Protein backbone atom coordinates (compact mmCIF):
# COMPACT_ATOMS: atom_id res chain seq x y z
CA MET A 1 10.30 -18.87 -9.27
CA SER A 2 11.61 -22.07 -10.88
CA ARG A 3 12.61 -22.22 -14.77
CA TRP A 4 9.80 -24.70 -15.80
CA LEU A 5 7.13 -22.45 -13.87
CA ASP A 6 8.43 -19.59 -15.65
CA ARG A 7 8.04 -21.49 -19.00
CA LEU A 8 4.89 -22.58 -18.05
CA ALA A 9 3.60 -19.31 -17.25
CA GLU A 10 5.18 -17.71 -20.54
CA ARG A 11 3.25 -20.61 -22.74
CA HIS A 12 -0.06 -19.92 -20.97
CA MET A 13 0.26 -15.92 -21.68
CA LEU A 14 1.32 -16.39 -25.22
CA LYS A 15 -1.83 -18.97 -25.54
CA ALA A 16 -4.32 -16.39 -24.12
CA ARG A 17 -2.61 -13.58 -26.18
CA ALA A 18 -3.10 -15.55 -29.48
CA GLU A 19 -6.58 -16.56 -28.68
CA GLY A 20 -7.50 -12.81 -27.87
CA LYS A 21 -8.36 -13.31 -24.42
CA LEU A 22 -5.71 -10.44 -23.40
CA SER A 23 -7.21 -7.94 -25.58
CA GLY A 24 -9.87 -5.54 -24.58
CA LEU A 25 -9.40 -5.55 -20.99
CA ALA A 26 -9.77 -2.58 -18.96
CA GLY A 27 -6.58 -0.25 -18.59
CA GLU A 28 -5.26 -2.13 -21.70
CA GLY A 29 -2.22 0.31 -23.21
CA LYS A 30 -1.99 2.42 -19.88
CA PRO A 31 0.66 2.27 -17.26
CA LEU A 32 -0.17 -0.10 -14.31
CA PRO A 33 -1.44 1.80 -11.45
CA GLU A 34 0.68 3.22 -8.83
CA HIS A 35 -0.12 1.65 -5.34
CA PRO A 36 1.63 4.22 -2.75
CA GLU A 37 0.44 2.42 -0.01
CA ALA A 38 2.54 -0.26 -0.53
CA ALA A 39 5.58 1.75 0.46
CA PHE A 40 4.31 1.75 4.04
CA VAL A 41 4.43 -2.14 4.71
CA ASP A 42 6.47 -4.91 4.07
CA PRO A 43 6.17 -6.46 0.43
CA GLY A 44 4.53 -9.49 1.88
CA LEU A 45 1.45 -7.45 3.23
CA ALA A 46 1.62 -5.11 0.16
CA VAL A 47 0.01 -7.82 -2.22
CA GLY A 48 -2.98 -8.38 0.43
CA TYR A 49 -3.55 -4.62 1.04
CA ARG A 50 -3.68 -3.65 -2.77
CA ILE A 51 -6.42 -6.47 -3.03
CA MET A 52 -8.12 -4.90 -0.16
CA ALA A 53 -7.92 -1.38 -1.60
CA GLU A 54 -9.18 -2.64 -4.96
CA HIS A 55 -12.21 -3.71 -3.04
CA GLY A 56 -12.53 -0.39 -0.92
CA ALA A 57 -11.31 -2.14 2.21
CA LEU A 58 -7.87 -0.47 2.96
CA PRO A 59 -6.63 -1.26 6.41
CA GLU A 60 -6.47 1.22 9.15
CA GLU A 61 -2.84 0.77 9.48
CA VAL A 62 -2.07 1.99 5.84
CA GLY A 63 -4.48 5.18 6.49
CA LEU A 64 -2.29 5.98 9.84
CA ARG A 65 0.67 5.59 8.08
CA LYS A 66 -0.29 8.24 5.48
CA ALA A 67 -1.40 10.39 7.99
CA LEU A 68 1.65 10.58 9.93
CA GLU A 69 3.83 11.23 6.86
CA ALA A 70 1.32 14.11 6.48
CA ALA A 71 1.74 15.22 9.85
CA LYS A 72 5.60 15.17 9.71
CA ALA A 73 5.17 17.30 6.51
CA ASP A 74 2.91 19.81 8.43
CA TYR A 75 5.75 19.49 11.26
CA ALA A 76 8.59 20.49 8.68
CA ARG A 77 6.39 23.54 7.28
CA ALA A 78 5.99 24.85 10.63
CA LYS A 79 6.97 28.35 11.57
CA THR A 80 5.79 29.35 14.63
CA GLU A 81 6.52 27.09 17.80
CA ALA A 82 2.70 26.89 18.47
CA ASP A 83 2.40 25.04 15.31
CA LYS A 84 5.35 22.99 15.67
CA ARG A 85 4.19 21.89 19.07
CA ALA A 86 0.49 21.17 17.59
CA ALA A 87 2.28 19.25 14.71
CA MET A 88 4.29 17.27 17.44
CA ALA A 89 1.05 16.29 19.23
CA LYS A 90 -0.54 15.08 16.30
CA ILE A 91 2.50 13.06 15.47
CA ALA A 92 2.69 11.56 18.79
CA GLU A 93 -1.11 10.65 18.53
CA LEU A 94 -0.88 9.06 15.16
CA ASP A 95 2.12 6.91 16.06
CA MET A 96 0.67 5.80 19.06
CA LYS A 97 -2.37 4.63 17.19
CA LEU A 98 -0.23 3.26 14.61
CA ALA A 99 1.78 1.12 16.96
CA ILE A 100 -1.73 -0.15 18.30
CA ALA A 101 -2.81 -1.10 14.60
CA VAL A 102 0.33 -2.77 13.97
CA GLU A 103 0.25 -4.68 17.45
CA ALA A 104 -3.28 -5.57 16.64
CA ARG A 105 -2.43 -6.99 13.44
CA GLN A 106 0.54 -9.10 14.54
CA LYS A 107 -1.66 -10.54 17.19
CA PHE A 108 -4.26 -11.42 14.77
CA MET A 109 -1.62 -13.01 12.42
CA ARG A 110 -0.15 -15.16 15.06
């Protein structure tokens, strides 16, 4: 961001704080909420996904990435060959679904 825009933004924030517009807001004094779904997408999409998540509309792609990570963790914890095969099948299925969802989003974005 350019310096003049930084100064303008800072001036507006200071003015709002002086007028009391920034006090009594939801979450005041608490840490910012974590957005773990942002770890699975590029930063440009993370903002859009966060807005969608705040309104209860998280994209299928994010859910699939979380499920894929969970399936990989299940594979790592698997003790028997049968459990490992089942986990690998789940990983393959989720990976395919994720690839389809990513491709569909990319086609939509073009």
